[in-house]
Amino acid sequence: MDEKTEELRDIFIDTTGADTVTESQEEGPGSITESDEDGTADRLAELIDAMRGEYEFTTDLEDDDYERVVRGFFNGESDETVAADLDVDADTVFAARMDLHLVDEADRDAPFDLDELKRLAVDDVPVDERPGHLDADVEPDTVRHYSAVVDADVESTRANHRFRDEFEQLLTDVDLETSHASDVHDDGLEEAAEDIETNVSF
């Protein structure tokens, strides 16, 4: 290691607080990403299998399809986009999301008081009986749609949101940490390179 390389390494360590230069150089390209991806896929499969055993899934989708639904949700893809990829309709993807407790704010934008429907769900009132208990005059199909939303919310709350939280951790934290580490790595090396260039006399 020559003097400039050693100085660059020292500045990098000071900047990032980690002595990982040699380790990163020794690993093959993409090895960390591949390792994380393998572990993520396995854990997703375990979670989906656990949910299938604990709850009654409402679609005929296979576990691999449910994994695609999870990934699509956290990638910000619409139900229509995921449905096209799986060659099913968007309603099936919506139902699968509800099976997996993957509710977003847009799902809760109901044309009536959703809290009233949620109270019926908490009281385990059958879905077909719920329209008669609502103050609002809404179609039974609309009540069934939003019942899937509130039932998913209720199930998730009773499970302390553990499935949704772990899905989110698997599919967002790893990406954020990898991105953050990459940013620190790039910024640290860029600053170090600038410092060295400043000290070099031509």
C-alpha atoms as a PDB file:
ATOM      1  CA  MET A   1       0.000   0.000   0.000  1.00  0.00           C
ATOM      2  CA  ASP A   2       1.603   3.286  -1.093  1.00  0.00           C
ATOM      3  CA  GLU A   3       1.460   6.505   0.928  1.00  0.00           C
ATOM      4  CA  LYS A   4      -1.495   8.038  -0.940  1.00  0.00           C
ATOM      5  CA  THR A   5      -3.527   4.833  -0.756  1.00  0.00           C
ATOM      6  CA  GLU A   6      -2.812   4.530   2.952  1.00  0.00           C
ATOM      7  CA  GLU A   7      -3.845   8.146   3.515  1.00  0.00           C
ATOM      8  CA  LEU A   8      -7.043   7.560   1.564  1.00  0.00           C
ATOM      9  CA  ARG A   9      -7.780   4.474   3.662  1.00  0.00           C
ATOM     10  CA  ASP A  10      -7.184   6.339   6.935  1.00  0.00           C
ATOM     11  CA  ILE A  11      -9.477   9.190   5.911  1.00  0.00           C
ATOM     12  CA  PHE A  12     -12.142   6.704   4.859  1.00  0.00           C
ATOM     13  CA  ILE A  13     -11.987   4.991   8.261  1.00  0.00           C
ATOM     14  CA  ASP A  14     -12.205   8.349  10.050  1.00  0.00           C
ATOM     15  CA  THR A  15     -15.182   9.344   7.904  1.00  0.00           C
ATOM     16  CA  THR A  16     -17.201   6.134   8.120  1.00  0.00           C
ATOM     17  CA  GLY A  17     -16.066   4.767  11.472  1.00  0.00           C
ATOM     18  CA  ALA A  18     -15.563   1.320   9.968  1.00  0.00           C
ATOM     19  CA  ASP A  19     -12.485  -0.557   8.850  1.00  0.00           C
ATOM     20  CA  THR A  20     -14.075  -2.416   5.927  1.00  0.00           C
ATOM     21  CA  VAL A  21     -12.035  -1.427   2.908  1.00  0.00           C
ATOM     22  CA  THR A  22     -10.048  -4.654   2.585  1.00  0.00           C
ATOM     23  CA  GLU A  23     -13.127  -6.821   3.257  1.00  0.00           C
ATOM     24  CA  SER A  24     -15.139  -5.022   0.589  1.00  0.00           C
ATOM     25  CA  GLN A  25     -12.333  -5.414  -1.909  1.00  0.00           C
ATOM     26  CA  GLU A  26     -12.041  -9.127  -1.234  1.00  0.00           C
ATOM     27  CA  GLU A  27     -15.746  -9.909  -1.653  1.00  0.00           C
ATOM     28  CA  GLY A  28     -17.100 -10.501  -5.127  1.00  0.00           C
ATOM     29  CA  PRO A  29     -19.425  -7.924  -6.685  1.00  0.00           C
ATOM     30  CA  GLY A  30     -22.986  -8.245  -5.412  1.00  0.00           C
ATOM     31  CA  SER A  31     -22.177 -10.864  -2.789  1.00  0.00           C
ATOM     32  CA  ILE A  32     -23.844  -8.939   0.042  1.00  0.00           C
ATOM     33  CA  THR A  33     -26.943  -8.192  -2.026  1.00  0.00           C
ATOM     34  CA  GLU A  34     -27.251 -11.803  -3.092  1.00  0.00           C
ATOM     35  CA  SER A  35     -26.883 -13.015   0.491  1.00  0.00           C
ATOM     36  CA  ASP A  36     -29.478 -10.547   1.773  1.00  0.00           C
ATOM     37  CA  GLU A  37     -31.852 -11.430  -1.043  1.00  0.00           C
ATOM     38  CA  ASP A  38     -31.577 -15.152  -0.336  1.00  0.00           C
ATOM     39  CA  GLY A  39     -32.340 -14.604   3.342  1.00  0.00           C
ATOM     40  CA  THR A  40     -35.190 -12.222   2.577  1.00  0.00           C
ATOM     41  CA  ALA A  41     -36.896 -14.649   0.212  1.00  0.00           C
ATOM     42  CA  ASP A  42     -36.648 -17.473   2.736  1.00  0.00           C
ATOM     43  CA  ARG A  43     -38.035 -15.335   5.554  1.00  0.00           C
ATOM     44  CA  LEU A  44     -40.876 -14.040   3.369  1.00  0.00           C
ATOM     45  CA  ALA A  45     -41.817 -17.629   2.559  1.00  0.00           C
ATOM     46  CA  GLU A  46     -41.791 -18.512   6.265  1.00  0.00           C
ATOM     47  CA  LEU A  47     -44.006 -15.556   7.177  1.00  0.00           C
ATOM     48  CA  ILE A  48     -46.509 -16.255   4.411  1.00  0.00           C
ATOM     49  CA  ASP A  49     -46.651 -19.918   5.390  1.00  0.00           C
ATOM     50  CA  ALA A  50     -47.207 -18.930   9.031  1.00  0.00           C
ATOM     51  CA  MET A  51     -50.019 -16.558   8.072  1.00  0.00           C
ATOM     52  CA  ARG A  52     -51.636 -19.197   5.867  1.00  0.00           C
ATOM     53  CA  GLY A  53     -51.609 -21.556   8.842  1.00  0.00           C
ATOM     54  CA  GLU A  54     -53.034 -18.977  11.230  1.00  0.00           C
ATOM     55  CA  TYR A  55     -55.584 -17.237   9.008  1.00  0.00           C
ATOM     56  CA  GLU A  56     -57.948 -18.309   6.256  1.00  0.00           C
ATOM     57  CA  PHE A  57     -56.569 -17.015   2.960  1.00  0.00           C
ATOM     58  CA  THR A  58     -59.310 -15.948   0.576  1.00  0.00           C
ATOM     59  CA  THR A  59     -57.628 -16.499  -2.816  1.00  0.00           C
ATOM     60  CA  ASP A  60     -56.268 -19.462  -4.747  1.00  0.00           C
ATOM     61  CA  LEU A  61     -52.865 -17.828  -5.197  1.00  0.00           C
ATOM     62  CA  GLU A  62     -49.771 -19.850  -4.397  1.00  0.00           C
ATOM     63  CA  ASP A  63     -47.248 -18.724  -1.789  1.00  0.00           C
ATOM     64  CA  ASP A  64     -44.887 -17.444  -4.511  1.00  0.00           C
ATOM     65  CA  ASP A  65     -47.735 -15.262  -5.790  1.00  0.00           C
ATOM     66  CA  TYR A  66     -48.329 -13.938  -2.284  1.00  0.00           C
ATOM     67  CA  GLU A  67     -44.638 -13.087  -2.091  1.00  0.00           C
ATOM     68  CA  ARG A  68     -45.025 -11.121  -5.325  1.00  0.00           C
ATOM     69  CA  VAL A  69     -47.946  -9.250  -3.746  1.00  0.00           C
ATOM     70  CA  VAL A  70     -45.842  -8.339  -0.694  1.00  0.00           C
ATOM     71  CA  ARG A  71     -42.953  -7.108  -2.806  1.00  0.00           C
ATOM     72  CA  GLY A  72     -45.272  -5.158  -5.072  1.00  0.00           C
ATOM     73  CA  PHE A  73     -46.926  -3.462  -2.096  1.00  0.00           C
ATOM     74  CA  PHE A  74     -43.653  -2.244  -0.608  1.00  0.00           C
ATOM     75  CA  ASN A  75     -42.387  -1.247  -4.065  1.00  0.00           C
ATOM     76  CA  GLY A  76     -45.391   1.061  -4.384  1.00  0.00           C
ATOM     77  CA  GLU A  77     -46.920  -0.908  -7.262  1.00  0.00           C
ATOM     78  CA  SER A  78     -50.662  -0.785  -7.870  1.00  0.00           C
ATOM     79  CA  ASP A  79     -52.883  -3.845  -7.572  1.00  0.00           C
ATOM     80  CA  GLU A  80     -53.392  -3.625 -11.332  1.00  0.00           C
ATOM     81  CA  THR A  81     -49.641  -3.794 -12.002  1.00  0.00           C
ATOM     82  CA  VAL A  82     -49.149  -6.825  -9.752  1.00  0.00           C
ATOM     83  CA  ALA A  83     -52.281  -8.451 -11.173  1.00  0.00           C
ATOM     84  CA  ALA A  84     -50.957  -8.115 -14.734  1.00  0.00           C
ATOM     85  CA  ASP A  85     -47.706  -9.749 -13.662  1.00  0.00           C
ATOM     86  CA  LEU A  86     -49.567 -12.648 -12.017  1.00  0.00           C
ATOM     87  CA  ASP A  87     -52.187 -12.909 -14.782  1.00  0.00           C
ATOM     88  CA  VAL A  88     -55.076 -12.435 -12.357  1.00  0.00           C
ATOM     89  CA  ASP A  89     -57.545  -9.603 -11.749  1.00  0.00           C
ATOM     90  CA  ALA A  90     -56.883  -6.655  -9.450  1.00  0.00           C
ATOM     91  CA  ASP A  91     -59.605  -7.789  -7.022  1.00  0.00           C
ATOM     92  CA  THR A  92     -57.631 -10.978  -6.390  1.00  0.00           C
ATOM     93  CA  VAL A  93     -54.496  -8.980  -5.589  1.00  0.00           C
ATOM     94  CA  PHE A  94     -56.528  -6.730  -3.291  1.00  0.00           C
ATOM     95  CA  ALA A  95     -57.890  -9.787  -1.465  1.00  0.00           C
ATOM     96  CA  ALA A  96     -54.360 -11.204  -1.153  1.00  0.00           C
ATOM     97  CA  ARG A  97     -53.116  -7.925   0.317  1.00  0.00           C
ATOM     98  CA  MET A  98     -55.879  -8.051   2.899  1.00  0.00           C
ATOM     99  CA  ASP A  99     -54.941 -11.672   3.708  1.00  0.00           C
ATOM    100  CA  LEU A 100     -51.413 -10.373   4.399  1.00  0.00           C
ATOM    101  CA  HIS A 101     -52.587  -7.372   6.474  1.00  0.00           C
ATOM    102  CA  LEU A 102     -51.168  -4.989   3.859  1.00  0.00           C
ATOM    103  CA  VAL A 103     -53.622  -2.103   4.121  1.00  0.00           C
ATOM    104  CA  ASP A 104     -52.709   1.411   3.003  1.00  0.00           C
ATOM    105  CA  GLU A 105     -54.463   4.717   3.649  1.00  0.00           C
ATOM    106  CA  ALA A 106     -56.173   4.729   0.258  1.00  0.00           C
ATOM    107  CA  ASP A 107     -57.911   1.469   1.202  1.00  0.00           C
ATOM    108  CA  ARG A 108     -59.511   3.227   4.177  1.00  0.00           C
ATOM    109  CA  ASP A 109     -61.052   6.031   2.105  1.00  0.00           C
ATOM    110  CA  ALA A 110     -64.597   4.747   2.500  1.00  0.00           C
ATOM    111  CA  PRO A 111     -67.817   6.605   1.561  1.00  0.00           C
ATOM    112  CA  PHE A 112     -69.072   6.143   5.127  1.00  0.00           C
ATOM    113  CA  ASP A 113     -67.747   6.065   8.696  1.00  0.00           C
ATOM    114  CA  LEU A 114     -65.212   3.251   8.651  1.00  0.00           C
ATOM    115  CA  ASP A 115     -64.963   3.257  12.450  1.00  0.00           C
ATOM    116  CA  GLU A 116     -68.576   2.139  12.593  1.00  0.00           C
ATOM    117  CA  LEU A 117     -67.744  -0.811  10.351  1.00  0.00           C
ATOM    118  CA  LYS A 118     -64.651  -1.560  12.396  1.00  0.00           C
ATOM    119  CA  ARG A 119     -66.763  -1.798  15.565  1.00  0.00           C
ATOM    120  CA  LEU A 120     -68.888  -4.416  13.827  1.00  0.00           C
ATOM    121  CA  ALA A 121     -65.745  -6.327  12.856  1.00  0.00           C
ATOM    122  CA  VAL A 122     -64.410  -6.215  16.421  1.00  0.00           C
ATOM    123  CA  ASP A 123     -67.772  -7.572  17.617  1.00  0.00           C
ATOM    124  CA  ASP A 124     -67.444 -10.391  15.040  1.00  0.00           C
ATOM    125  CA  VAL A 125     -70.673  -9.432  13.280  1.00  0.00           C
ATOM    126  CA  PRO A 126     -70.893 -11.529  10.060  1.00  0.00           C
ATOM    127  CA  VAL A 127     -70.099  -9.562   6.904  1.00  0.00           C
ATOM    128  CA  ASP A 128     -73.504 -10.217   5.311  1.00  0.00           C
ATOM    129  CA  GLU A 129     -75.229  -8.737   8.375  1.00  0.00           C
ATOM    130  CA  ARG A 130     -73.158  -5.578   8.551  1.00  0.00           C
ATOM    131  CA  PRO A 131     -75.064  -3.429   5.995  1.00  0.00           C
ATOM    132  CA  GLY A 132     -78.144  -3.551   8.228  1.00  0.00           C
ATOM    133  CA  HIS A 133     -76.137  -2.219  11.179  1.00  0.00           C
ATOM    134  CA  LEU A 134     -74.702   0.781   9.339  1.00  0.00           C
ATOM    135  CA  ASP A 135     -76.322   4.195   9.409  1.00  0.00           C
ATOM    136  CA  ALA A 136     -75.157   4.886   5.866  1.00  0.00           C
ATOM    137  CA  ASP A 137     -77.112   3.622   2.862  1.00  0.00           C
ATOM    138  CA  VAL A 138     -74.436   1.685   0.977  1.00  0.00           C
ATOM    139  CA  GLU A 139     -74.442  -1.270  -1.380  1.00  0.00           C
ATOM    140  CA  PRO A 140     -73.666  -4.700   0.124  1.00  0.00           C
ATOM    141  CA  ASP A 141     -70.721  -5.106  -2.287  1.00  0.00           C
ATOM    142  CA  THR A 142     -69.232  -1.858  -0.992  1.00  0.00           C
ATOM    143  CA  VAL A 143     -69.660  -3.042   2.592  1.00  0.00           C
ATOM    144  CA  ARG A 144     -67.987  -6.345   1.721  1.00  0.00           C
ATOM    145  CA  HIS A 145     -65.062  -4.506   0.125  1.00  0.00           C
ATOM    146  CA  TYR A 146     -64.422  -2.295   3.128  1.00  0.00           C
ATOM    147  CA  SER A 147     -65.136  -5.170   5.505  1.00  0.00           C
ATOM    148  CA  ALA A 148     -62.068  -6.872   4.029  1.00  0.00           C
ATOM    149  CA  VAL A 149     -60.090  -3.736   4.907  1.00  0.00           C
ATOM    150  CA  VAL A 150     -61.306  -3.445   8.496  1.00  0.00           C
ATOM    151  CA  ASP A 151     -61.074  -7.209   9.075  1.00  0.00           C
ATOM    152  CA  ALA A 152     -57.431  -7.058   7.953  1.00  0.00           C
ATOM    153  CA  ASP A 153     -56.817  -4.102  10.265  1.00  0.00           C
ATOM    154  CA  VAL A 154     -58.452  -5.874  13.184  1.00  0.00           C
ATOM    155  CA  GLU A 155     -56.492  -9.081  12.592  1.00  0.00           C
ATOM    156  CA  SER A 156     -53.268  -7.113  12.268  1.00  0.00           C
ATOM    157  CA  THR A 157     -53.970  -5.219  15.496  1.00  0.00           C
ATOM    158  CA  ARG A 158     -54.713  -8.441  17.365  1.00  0.00           C
ATOM    159  CA  ALA A 159     -51.385  -9.811  16.099  1.00  0.00           C
ATOM    160  CA  ASN A 160     -49.643  -6.622  17.270  1.00  0.00           C
ATOM    161  CA  HIS A 161     -48.905  -5.905  13.564  1.00  0.00           C
ATOM    162  CA  ARG A 162     -46.055  -8.388  13.738  1.00  0.00           C
ATOM    163  CA  PHE A 163     -46.468  -9.755  10.207  1.00  0.00           C
ATOM    164  CA  ARG A 164     -46.775  -6.402   8.485  1.00  0.00           C
ATOM    165  CA  ASP A 165     -43.914  -4.992  10.568  1.00  0.00           C
ATOM    166  CA  GLU A 166     -41.610  -7.839   9.627  1.00  0.00           C
ATOM    167  CA  PHE A 167     -42.551  -7.614   5.956  1.00  0.00           C
ATOM    168  CA  GLU A 168     -41.710  -3.913   6.105  1.00  0.00           C
ATOM    169  CA  GLN A 169     -38.437  -4.534   7.905  1.00  0.00           C
ATOM    170  CA  LEU A 170     -37.397  -7.168   5.396  1.00  0.00           C
ATOM    171  CA  LEU A 171     -38.248  -5.158   2.307  1.00  0.00           C
ATOM    172  CA  THR A 172     -37.405  -1.608   3.349  1.00  0.00           C
ATOM    173  CA  ASP A 173     -34.792  -1.550   6.135  1.00  0.00           C
ATOM    174  CA  VAL A 174     -32.326  -3.739   4.246  1.00  0.00           C
ATOM    175  CA  ASP A 175     -32.622  -1.541   1.185  1.00  0.00           C
ATOM    176  CA  LEU A 176     -32.301   1.631   3.263  1.00  0.00           C
ATOM    177  CA  GLU A 177     -29.280   0.336   5.161  1.00  0.00           C
ATOM    178  CA  THR A 178     -27.613  -0.782   1.951  1.00  0.00           C
ATOM    179  CA  SER A 179     -28.331   2.569   0.351  1.00  0.00           C
ATOM    180  CA  HIS A 180     -27.105   4.435   3.427  1.00  0.00           C
ATOM    181  CA  ALA A 181     -23.910   2.402   3.594  1.00  0.00           C
ATOM    182  CA  SER A 182     -23.354   3.043  -0.100  1.00  0.00           C
ATOM    183  CA  ASP A 183     -23.894   6.790   0.364  1.00  0.00           C
ATOM    184  CA  VAL A 184     -21.447   6.930   3.281  1.00  0.00           C
ATOM    185  CA  HIS A 185     -18.952   4.878   1.323  1.00  0.00           C
ATOM    186  CA  ASP A 186     -19.213   7.100  -1.760  1.00  0.00           C
ATOM    187  CA  ASP A 187     -19.270  10.389   0.163  1.00  0.00           C
ATOM    188  CA  GLY A 188     -16.372   9.340   2.376  1.00  0.00           C
ATOM    189  CA  LEU A 189     -14.210   8.330  -0.552  1.00  0.00           C
ATOM    190  CA  GLU A 190     -15.125  11.464  -2.503  1.00  0.00           C
ATOM    191  CA  GLU A 191     -14.159  13.723   0.404  1.00  0.00           C
ATOM    192  CA  ALA A 192     -10.990  11.734   0.978  1.00  0.00           C
ATOM    193  CA  ALA A 193     -10.052  11.978  -2.685  1.00  0.00           C
ATOM    194  CA  GLU A 194     -10.609  15.737  -2.641  1.00  0.00           C
ATOM    195  CA  ASP A 195      -8.383  16.086   0.423  1.00  0.00           C
ATOM    196  CA  ILE A 196      -5.607  14.114  -1.215  1.00  0.00           C
ATOM    197  CA  GLU A 197      -5.873  16.122  -4.433  1.00  0.00           C
ATOM    198  CA  THR A 198      -5.556  19.311  -2.388  1.00  0.00           C
ATOM    199  CA  ASN A 199      -2.353  18.055  -0.776  1.00  0.00           C
ATOM    200  CA  VAL A 200      -0.739  16.916  -4.029  1.00  0.00           C
ATOM    201  CA  SER A 201       1.707  19.356  -5.557  1.00  0.00           C
ATOM    202  CA  PHE A 202       2.216  19.209  -9.308  1.00  0.00           C
END
